[in-house]
Amino acid sequence: MPPAQRSVSRSLVSPRGRGVATAAVRAVVELIFRCSTAERVIGITDARNLPSMRLMERVGMRMTETSQAVFRGEACVEHTYTVTRAAT
């Protein structure tokens, strides 16, 4: 990873439909922009993970890339979502 790039993973176990994950991801994105010079935050998810895709869209991220990947030895498609500092 380039020096100016850091990774934050999201793995939340919570009752669905209560907005807990949305609030948590929104807070992390706001914290990253407030406490760093990062110009964008990216999220990457498997194309089959519709809940994660909807979550990233709810917090203002937009799909910017689709690529082939291998996860745990299995070929898959990944979507990259991005939100920029100016968009928040």
PDB file of N, CA and C in Angstrom:
ATOM      1  N   MET A   1       0.834  -1.180   0.000  1.00  0.00           N
ATOM      2  CA  MET A   1       0.000   0.000   0.000  1.00  0.00           C
ATOM      3  C   MET A   1       0.882   1.248   0.000  1.00  0.00           C
ATOM      4  N   PRO A   2       0.572   2.228  -0.861  1.00  0.00           N
ATOM      5  CA  PRO A   2       1.344   3.473  -0.841  1.00  0.00           C
ATOM      6  C   PRO A   2       1.274   4.121   0.545  1.00  0.00           C
ATOM      7  N   PRO A   3       2.279   4.907   0.917  1.00  0.00           N
ATOM      8  CA  PRO A   3       2.306   5.503   2.258  1.00  0.00           C
ATOM      9  C   PRO A   3       1.059   6.312   2.608  1.00  0.00           C
ATOM     10  N   ALA A   4       0.452   6.980   1.641  1.00  0.00           N
ATOM     11  CA  ALA A   4      -0.709   7.827   1.931  1.00  0.00           C
ATOM     12  C   ALA A   4      -2.016   7.041   1.924  1.00  0.00           C
ATOM     13  N   GLN A   5      -1.925   5.746   1.694  1.00  0.00           N
ATOM     14  CA  GLN A   5      -3.143   4.938   1.615  1.00  0.00           C
ATOM     15  C   GLN A   5      -3.184   3.958   2.781  1.00  0.00           C
ATOM     16  N   ARG A   6      -4.316   3.878   3.427  1.00  0.00           N
ATOM     17  CA  ARG A   6      -4.506   2.963   4.548  1.00  0.00           C
ATOM     18  C   ARG A   6      -5.765   2.162   4.313  1.00  0.00           C
ATOM     19  N   SER A   7      -5.860   1.041   4.971  1.00  0.00           N
ATOM     20  CA  SER A   7      -7.016   0.172   4.797  1.00  0.00           C
ATOM     21  C   SER A   7      -7.834   0.104   6.074  1.00  0.00           C
ATOM     22  N   VAL A   8      -9.128   0.198   5.933  1.00  0.00           N
ATOM     23  CA  VAL A   8     -10.055   0.021   7.050  1.00  0.00           C
ATOM     24  C   VAL A   8     -11.058  -1.032   6.611  1.00  0.00           C
ATOM     25  N   SER A   9     -11.159  -2.077   7.373  1.00  0.00           N
ATOM     26  CA  SER A   9     -12.112  -3.135   7.023  1.00  0.00           C
ATOM     27  C   SER A   9     -13.389  -2.951   7.805  1.00  0.00           C
ATOM     28  N   ARG A  10     -14.491  -3.330   7.176  1.00  0.00           N
ATOM     29  CA  ARG A  10     -15.782  -3.249   7.845  1.00  0.00           C
ATOM     30  C   ARG A  10     -16.297  -4.658   8.029  1.00  0.00           C
ATOM     31  N   SER A  11     -16.525  -5.001   9.250  1.00  0.00           N
ATOM     32  CA  SER A  11     -17.132  -6.290   9.561  1.00  0.00           C
ATOM     33  C   SER A  11     -17.990  -6.072  10.797  1.00  0.00           C
ATOM     34  N   LEU A  12     -19.257  -5.885  10.568  1.00  0.00           N
ATOM     35  CA  LEU A  12     -20.167  -5.599  11.670  1.00  0.00           C
ATOM     36  C   LEU A  12     -21.201  -6.703  11.784  1.00  0.00           C
ATOM     37  N   VAL A  13     -21.399  -7.156  12.979  1.00  0.00           N
ATOM     38  CA  VAL A  13     -22.463  -8.117  13.226  1.00  0.00           C
ATOM     39  C   VAL A  13     -23.510  -7.375  14.028  1.00  0.00           C
ATOM     40  N   SER A  14     -24.649  -7.155  13.406  1.00  0.00           N
ATOM     41  CA  SER A  14     -25.710  -6.416  14.085  1.00  0.00           C
ATOM     42  C   SER A  14     -27.035  -6.793  13.464  1.00  0.00           C
ATOM     43  N   PRO A  15     -28.106  -6.526  14.175  1.00  0.00           N
ATOM     44  CA  PRO A  15     -29.417  -6.795  13.588  1.00  0.00           C
ATOM     45  C   PRO A  15     -29.595  -5.960  12.317  1.00  0.00           C
ATOM     46  N   ARG A  16     -30.032  -6.597  11.276  1.00  0.00           N
ATOM     47  CA  ARG A  16     -30.217  -5.879  10.008  1.00  0.00           C
ATOM     48  C   ARG A  16     -31.419  -4.949  10.092  1.00  0.00           C
ATOM     49  N   GLY A  17     -31.329  -3.869   9.311  1.00  0.00           N
ATOM     50  CA  GLY A  17     -32.463  -2.968   9.211  1.00  0.00           C
ATOM     51  C   GLY A  17     -32.554  -1.907  10.283  1.00  0.00           C
ATOM     52  N   ARG A  18     -31.570  -1.827  11.143  1.00  0.00           N
ATOM     53  CA  ARG A  18     -31.606  -0.812  12.208  1.00  0.00           C
ATOM     54  C   ARG A  18     -30.681   0.364  11.948  1.00  0.00           C
ATOM     55  N   GLY A  19     -29.932   0.308  10.869  1.00  0.00           N
ATOM     56  CA  GLY A  19     -29.062   1.424  10.509  1.00  0.00           C
ATOM     57  C   GLY A  19     -27.740   1.466  11.241  1.00  0.00           C
ATOM     58  N   VAL A  20     -27.417   0.419  11.994  1.00  0.00           N
ATOM     59  CA  VAL A  20     -26.175   0.413  12.767  1.00  0.00           C
ATOM     60  C   VAL A  20     -24.954   0.454  11.855  1.00  0.00           C
ATOM     61  N   ALA A  21     -24.926  -0.407  10.842  1.00  0.00           N
ATOM     62  CA  ALA A  21     -23.781  -0.440   9.928  1.00  0.00           C
ATOM     63  C   ALA A  21     -23.668   0.867   9.149  1.00  0.00           C
ATOM     64  N   THR A  22     -24.788   1.411   8.698  1.00  0.00           N
ATOM     65  CA  THR A  22     -24.770   2.677   7.960  1.00  0.00           C
ATOM     66  C   THR A  22     -24.190   3.787   8.818  1.00  0.00           C
ATOM     67  N   ALA A  23     -24.642   3.891  10.042  1.00  0.00           N
ATOM     68  CA  ALA A  23     -24.134   4.936  10.948  1.00  0.00           C
ATOM     69  C   ALA A  23     -22.641   4.745  11.213  1.00  0.00           C
ATOM     70  N   ALA A  24     -22.224   3.495  11.391  1.00  0.00           N
ATOM     71  CA  ALA A  24     -20.815   3.232  11.686  1.00  0.00           C
ATOM     72  C   ALA A  24     -19.924   3.579  10.495  1.00  0.00           C
ATOM     73  N   VAL A  25     -20.313   3.168   9.297  1.00  0.00           N
ATOM     74  CA  VAL A  25     -19.496   3.459   8.113  1.00  0.00           C
ATOM     75  C   VAL A  25     -19.486   4.959   7.832  1.00  0.00           C
ATOM     76  N   ARG A  26     -20.624   5.602   7.963  1.00  0.00           N
ATOM     77  CA  ARG A  26     -20.689   7.055   7.763  1.00  0.00           C
ATOM     78  C   ARG A  26     -19.743   7.767   8.747  1.00  0.00           C
ATOM     79  N   ALA A  27     -19.747   7.330  10.006  1.00  0.00           N
ATOM     80  CA  ALA A  27     -18.875   7.944  11.016  1.00  0.00           C
ATOM     81  C   ALA A  27     -17.402   7.719  10.700  1.00  0.00           C
ATOM     82  N   VAL A  28     -17.051   6.541  10.221  1.00  0.00           N
ATOM     83  CA  VAL A  28     -15.656   6.257   9.872  1.00  0.00           C
ATOM     84  C   VAL A  28     -15.211   7.127   8.702  1.00  0.00           C
ATOM     85  N   VAL A  29     -16.054   7.255   7.689  1.00  0.00           N
ATOM     86  CA  VAL A  29     -15.709   8.102   6.536  1.00  0.00           C
ATOM     87  C   VAL A  29     -15.510   9.547   6.998  1.00  0.00           C
ATOM     88  N   GLU A  30     -16.422  10.057   7.814  1.00  0.00           N
ATOM     89  CA  GLU A  30     -16.290  11.429   8.324  1.00  0.00           C
ATOM     90  C   GLU A  30     -15.022  11.583   9.152  1.00  0.00           C
ATOM     91  N   LEU A  31     -14.694  10.585   9.966  1.00  0.00           N
ATOM     92  CA  LEU A  31     -13.485  10.636  10.796  1.00  0.00           C
ATOM     93  C   LEU A  31     -12.226  10.650   9.930  1.00  0.00           C
ATOM     94  N   ILE A  32     -12.209   9.830   8.895  1.00  0.00           N
ATOM     95  CA  ILE A  32     -11.054   9.806   7.996  1.00  0.00           C
ATOM     96  C   ILE A  32     -10.842  11.175   7.370  1.00  0.00           C
ATOM     97  N   PHE A  33     -11.897  11.808   6.880  1.00  0.00           N
ATOM     98  CA  PHE A  33     -11.747  13.125   6.258  1.00  0.00           C
ATOM     99  C   PHE A  33     -11.395  14.205   7.279  1.00  0.00           C
ATOM    100  N   ARG A  34     -11.928  14.116   8.481  1.00  0.00           N
ATOM    101  CA  ARG A  34     -11.651  15.128   9.502  1.00  0.00           C
ATOM    102  C   ARG A  34     -10.231  15.022  10.050  1.00  0.00           C
ATOM    103  N   CYS A  35      -9.710  13.805  10.158  1.00  0.00           N
ATOM    104  CA  CYS A  35      -8.434  13.601  10.845  1.00  0.00           C
ATOM    105  C   CYS A  35      -7.256  13.287   9.923  1.00  0.00           C
ATOM    106  N   SER A  36      -7.463  13.380   8.624  1.00  0.00           N
ATOM    107  CA  SER A  36      -6.370  13.097   7.698  1.00  0.00           C
ATOM    108  C   SER A  36      -6.474  14.014   6.485  1.00  0.00           C
ATOM    109  N   THR A  37      -5.501  13.872   5.627  1.00  0.00           N
ATOM    110  CA  THR A  37      -5.517  14.642   4.381  1.00  0.00           C
ATOM    111  C   THR A  37      -6.038  13.801   3.220  1.00  0.00           C
ATOM    112  N   ALA A  38      -6.602  12.646   3.510  1.00  0.00           N
ATOM    113  CA  ALA A  38      -7.143  11.768   2.456  1.00  0.00           C
ATOM    114  C   ALA A  38      -8.152  12.528   1.619  1.00  0.00           C
ATOM    115  N   GLU A  39      -8.072  12.337   0.315  1.00  0.00           N
ATOM    116  CA  GLU A  39      -9.005  12.984  -0.611  1.00  0.00           C
ATOM    117  C   GLU A  39     -10.138  12.063  -1.012  1.00  0.00           C
ATOM    118  N   ARG A  40      -9.975  10.756  -0.739  1.00  0.00           N
ATOM    119  CA  ARG A  40     -11.030   9.806  -1.067  1.00  0.00           C
ATOM    120  C   ARG A  40     -10.960   8.599  -0.150  1.00  0.00           C
ATOM    121  N   VAL A  41     -12.096   7.958  -0.015  1.00  0.00           N
ATOM    122  CA  VAL A  41     -12.209   6.706   0.732  1.00  0.00           C
ATOM    123  C   VAL A  41     -12.800   5.697  -0.229  1.00  0.00           C
ATOM    124  N   ILE A  42     -12.205   4.504  -0.267  1.00  0.00           N
ATOM    125  CA  ILE A  42     -12.719   3.475  -1.158  1.00  0.00           C
ATOM    126  C   ILE A  42     -13.215   2.280  -0.351  1.00  0.00           C
ATOM    127  N   GLY A  43     -14.174   1.600  -0.938  1.00  0.00           N
ATOM    128  CA  GLY A  43     -14.681   0.358  -0.370  1.00  0.00           C
ATOM    129  C   GLY A  43     -14.721  -0.678  -1.475  1.00  0.00           C
ATOM    130  N   ILE A  44     -14.333  -1.904  -1.161  1.00  0.00           N
ATOM    131  CA  ILE A  44     -14.317  -2.971  -2.155  1.00  0.00           C
ATOM    132  C   ILE A  44     -15.167  -4.120  -1.631  1.00  0.00           C
ATOM    133  N   THR A  45     -16.052  -4.626  -2.484  1.00  0.00           N
ATOM    134  CA  THR A  45     -16.906  -5.740  -2.084  1.00  0.00           C
ATOM    135  C   THR A  45     -17.118  -6.696  -3.244  1.00  0.00           C
ATOM    136  N   ASP A  46     -17.418  -7.914  -2.910  1.00  0.00           N
ATOM    137  CA  ASP A  46     -17.778  -8.924  -3.895  1.00  0.00           C
ATOM    138  C   ASP A  46     -19.087  -8.495  -4.554  1.00  0.00           C
ATOM    139  N   ALA A  47     -19.179  -8.664  -5.850  1.00  0.00           N
ATOM    140  CA  ALA A  47     -20.375  -8.234  -6.597  1.00  0.00           C
ATOM    141  C   ALA A  47     -21.634  -8.964  -6.144  1.00  0.00           C
ATOM    142  N   ARG A  48     -21.479 -10.099  -5.475  1.00  0.00           N
ATOM    143  CA  ARG A  48     -22.646 -10.843  -4.980  1.00  0.00           C
ATOM    144  C   ARG A  48     -23.139 -10.333  -3.637  1.00  0.00           C
ATOM    145  N   ASN A  49     -22.389  -9.420  -3.029  1.00  0.00           N
ATOM    146  CA  ASN A  49     -22.728  -8.932  -1.697  1.00  0.00           C
ATOM    147  C   ASN A  49     -23.608  -7.676  -1.815  1.00  0.00           C
ATOM    148  N   LEU A  50     -24.846  -7.888  -2.155  1.00  0.00           N
ATOM    149  CA  LEU A  50     -25.771  -6.764  -2.364  1.00  0.00           C
ATOM    150  C   LEU A  50     -25.954  -5.885  -1.132  1.00  0.00           C
ATOM    151  N   PRO A  51     -26.043  -6.439   0.084  1.00  0.00           N
ATOM    152  CA  PRO A  51     -26.170  -5.566   1.260  1.00  0.00           C
ATOM    153  C   PRO A  51     -24.994  -4.593   1.408  1.00  0.00           C
ATOM    154  N   SER A  52     -23.771  -5.049   1.151  1.00  0.00           N
ATOM    155  CA  SER A  52     -22.618  -4.152   1.246  1.00  0.00           C
ATOM    156  C   SER A  52     -22.656  -3.089   0.163  1.00  0.00           C
ATOM    157  N   MET A  53     -23.089  -3.464  -1.028  1.00  0.00           N
ATOM    158  CA  MET A  53     -23.184  -2.487  -2.108  1.00  0.00           C
ATOM    159  C   MET A  53     -24.210  -1.409  -1.762  1.00  0.00           C
ATOM    160  N   ARG A  54     -25.354  -1.818  -1.247  1.00  0.00           N
ATOM    161  CA  ARG A  54     -26.389  -0.841  -0.864  1.00  0.00           C
ATOM    162  C   ARG A  54     -25.900   0.057   0.279  1.00  0.00           C
ATOM    163  N   LEU A  55     -25.175  -0.529   1.219  1.00  0.00           N
ATOM    164  CA  LEU A  55     -24.641   0.247   2.334  1.00  0.00           C
ATOM    165  C   LEU A  55     -23.702   1.341   1.831  1.00  0.00           C
ATOM    166  N   MET A  56     -22.775   0.978   0.958  1.00  0.00           N
ATOM    167  CA  MET A  56     -21.829   1.976   0.454  1.00  0.00           C
ATOM    168  C   MET A  56     -22.557   3.078  -0.320  1.00  0.00           C
ATOM    169  N   GLU A  57     -23.583   2.712  -1.050  1.00  0.00           N
ATOM    170  CA  GLU A  57     -24.364   3.730  -1.763  1.00  0.00           C
ATOM    171  C   GLU A  57     -25.109   4.641  -0.786  1.00  0.00           C
ATOM    172  N   ARG A  58     -25.611   4.080   0.314  1.00  0.00           N
ATOM    173  CA  ARG A  58     -26.331   4.900   1.315  1.00  0.00           C
ATOM    174  C   ARG A  58     -25.435   5.951   1.950  1.00  0.00           C
ATOM    175  N   VAL A  59     -24.137   5.642   2.090  1.00  0.00           N
ATOM    176  CA  VAL A  59     -23.234   6.610   2.723  1.00  0.00           C
ATOM    177  C   VAL A  59     -22.584   7.539   1.700  1.00  0.00           C
ATOM    178  N   GLY A  60     -23.081   7.513   0.459  1.00  0.00           N
ATOM    179  CA  GLY A  60     -22.611   8.467  -0.542  1.00  0.00           C
ATOM    180  C   GLY A  60     -21.523   7.965  -1.462  1.00  0.00           C
ATOM    181  N   MET A  61     -21.165   6.689  -1.364  1.00  0.00           N
ATOM    182  CA  MET A  61     -20.138   6.144  -2.238  1.00  0.00           C
ATOM    183  C   MET A  61     -20.771   5.757  -3.573  1.00  0.00           C
ATOM    184  N   ARG A  62     -19.982   5.858  -4.642  1.00  0.00           N
ATOM    185  CA  ARG A  62     -20.444   5.496  -5.979  1.00  0.00           C
ATOM    186  C   ARG A  62     -19.489   4.469  -6.576  1.00  0.00           C
ATOM    187  N   MET A  63     -20.045   3.509  -7.334  1.00  0.00           N
ATOM    188  CA  MET A  63     -19.208   2.483  -7.943  1.00  0.00           C
ATOM    189  C   MET A  63     -18.305   3.122  -8.991  1.00  0.00           C
ATOM    190  N   THR A  64     -17.012   2.867  -8.872  1.00  0.00           N
ATOM    191  CA  THR A  64     -16.043   3.477  -9.776  1.00  0.00           C
ATOM    192  C   THR A  64     -15.238   2.464 -10.572  1.00  0.00           C
ATOM    193  N   GLU A  65     -15.330   1.188 -10.182  1.00  0.00           N
ATOM    194  CA  GLU A  65     -14.539   0.182 -10.885  1.00  0.00           C
ATOM    195  C   GLU A  65     -15.130  -1.202 -10.633  1.00  0.00           C
ATOM    196  N   THR A  66     -15.004  -2.052 -11.612  1.00  0.00           N
ATOM    197  CA  THR A  66     -15.355  -3.461 -11.484  1.00  0.00           C
ATOM    198  C   THR A  66     -14.167  -4.253 -11.999  1.00  0.00           C
ATOM    199  N   SER A  67     -13.751  -5.260 -11.245  1.00  0.00           N
ATOM    200  CA  SER A  67     -12.580  -6.034 -11.657  1.00  0.00           C
ATOM    201  C   SER A  67     -12.729  -7.502 -11.287  1.00  0.00           C
ATOM    202  N   GLN A  68     -11.992  -8.329 -11.991  1.00  0.00           N
ATOM    203  CA  GLN A  68     -11.925  -9.748 -11.680  1.00  0.00           C
ATOM    204  C   GLN A  68     -10.964  -9.923 -10.510  1.00  0.00           C
ATOM    205  N   ALA A  69     -11.264 -10.851  -9.620  1.00  0.00           N
ATOM    206  CA  ALA A  69     -10.412 -11.081  -8.460  1.00  0.00           C
ATOM    207  C   ALA A  69     -10.482 -12.553  -8.072  1.00  0.00           C
ATOM    208  N   VAL A  70      -9.626 -12.916  -7.146  1.00  0.00           N
ATOM    209  CA  VAL A  70      -9.659 -14.250  -6.561  1.00  0.00           C
ATOM    210  C   VAL A  70      -9.750 -14.062  -5.057  1.00  0.00           C
ATOM    211  N   PHE A  71     -10.769 -14.650  -4.453  1.00  0.00           N
ATOM    212  CA  PHE A  71     -10.970 -14.551  -3.008  1.00  0.00           C
ATOM    213  C   PHE A  71     -11.089 -15.959  -2.454  1.00  0.00           C
ATOM    214  N   ARG A  72     -10.205 -16.290  -1.525  1.00  0.00           N
ATOM    215  CA  ARG A  72     -10.166 -17.630  -0.932  1.00  0.00           C
ATOM    216  C   ARG A  72     -10.124 -18.716  -2.008  1.00  0.00           C
ATOM    217  N   GLY A  73      -9.323 -18.460  -3.025  1.00  0.00           N
ATOM    218  CA  GLY A  73      -9.127 -19.428  -4.083  1.00  0.00           C
ATOM    219  C   GLY A  73     -10.227 -19.506  -5.125  1.00  0.00           C
ATOM    220  N   GLU A  74     -11.235 -18.655  -5.012  1.00  0.00           N
ATOM    221  CA  GLU A  74     -12.373 -18.684  -5.930  1.00  0.00           C
ATOM    222  C   GLU A  74     -12.409 -17.406  -6.767  1.00  0.00           C
ATOM    223  N   ALA A  75     -12.571 -17.575  -8.086  1.00  0.00           N
ATOM    224  CA  ALA A  75     -12.694 -16.410  -8.965  1.00  0.00           C
ATOM    225  C   ALA A  75     -13.985 -15.676  -8.637  1.00  0.00           C
ATOM    226  N   CYS A  76     -13.914 -14.354  -8.636  1.00  0.00           N
ATOM    227  CA  CYS A  76     -15.100 -13.545  -8.359  1.00  0.00           C
ATOM    228  C   CYS A  76     -14.955 -12.189  -9.027  1.00  0.00           C
ATOM    229  N   VAL A  77     -15.994 -11.409  -8.941  1.00  0.00           N
ATOM    230  CA  VAL A  77     -15.992 -10.036  -9.444  1.00  0.00           C
ATOM    231  C   VAL A  77     -16.088  -9.116  -8.243  1.00  0.00           C
ATOM    232  N   GLU A  78     -15.239  -8.098  -8.213  1.00  0.00           N
ATOM    233  CA  GLU A  78     -15.275  -7.116  -7.131  1.00  0.00           C
ATOM    234  C   GLU A  78     -15.677  -5.755  -7.674  1.00  0.00           C
ATOM    235  N   HIS A  79     -16.480  -5.050  -6.895  1.00  0.00           N
ATOM    236  CA  HIS A  79     -16.843  -3.668  -7.212  1.00  0.00           C
ATOM    237  C   HIS A  79     -16.110  -2.753  -6.240  1.00  0.00           C
ATOM    238  N   THR A  80     -15.551  -1.679  -6.768  1.00  0.00           N
ATOM    239  CA  THR A  80     -14.902  -0.656  -5.951  1.00  0.00           C
ATOM    240  C   THR A  80     -15.810   0.549  -5.909  1.00  0.00           C
ATOM    241  N   TYR A  81     -16.072   1.033  -4.700  1.00  0.00           N
ATOM    242  CA  TYR A  81     -16.891   2.225  -4.479  1.00  0.00           C
ATOM    243  C   TYR A  81     -15.989   3.307  -3.911  1.00  0.00           C
ATOM    244  N   THR A  82     -16.283   4.558  -4.281  1.00  0.00           N
ATOM    245  CA  THR A  82     -15.461   5.688  -3.861  1.00  0.00           C
ATOM    246  C   THR A  82     -16.321   6.859  -3.415  1.00  0.00           C
ATOM    247  N   VAL A  83     -15.844   7.553  -2.390  1.00  0.00           N
ATOM    248  CA  VAL A  83     -16.426   8.835  -2.007  1.00  0.00           C
ATOM    249  C   VAL A  83     -15.245   9.798  -1.853  1.00  0.00           C
ATOM    250  N   THR A  84     -15.406  11.013  -2.348  1.00  0.00           N
ATOM    251  CA  THR A  84     -14.335  11.997  -2.255  1.00  0.00           C
ATOM    252  C   THR A  84     -14.650  13.018  -1.172  1.00  0.00           C
ATOM    253  N   ARG A  85     -13.611  13.668  -0.728  1.00  0.00           N
ATOM    254  CA  ARG A  85     -13.760  14.692   0.313  1.00  0.00           C
ATOM    255  C   ARG A  85     -14.786  15.742  -0.114  1.00  0.00           C
ATOM    256  N   ALA A  86     -14.755  16.159  -1.355  1.00  0.00           N
ATOM    257  CA  ALA A  86     -15.669  17.195  -1.841  1.00  0.00           C
ATOM    258  C   ALA A  86     -17.118  16.736  -1.837  1.00  0.00           C
ATOM    259  N   ALA A  87     -17.357  15.415  -1.916  1.00  0.00           N
ATOM    260  CA  ALA A  87     -18.719  14.891  -1.984  1.00  0.00           C
ATOM    261  C   ALA A  87     -19.384  14.801  -0.623  1.00  0.00           C
ATOM    262  N   THR A  88     -18.621  14.946   0.446  1.00  0.00           N
ATOM    263  CA  THR A  88     -19.205  14.799   1.781  1.00  0.00           C
ATOM    264  C   THR A  88     -19.694  16.106   2.337  1.00  0.00           C
TER     265      THR A  88
END
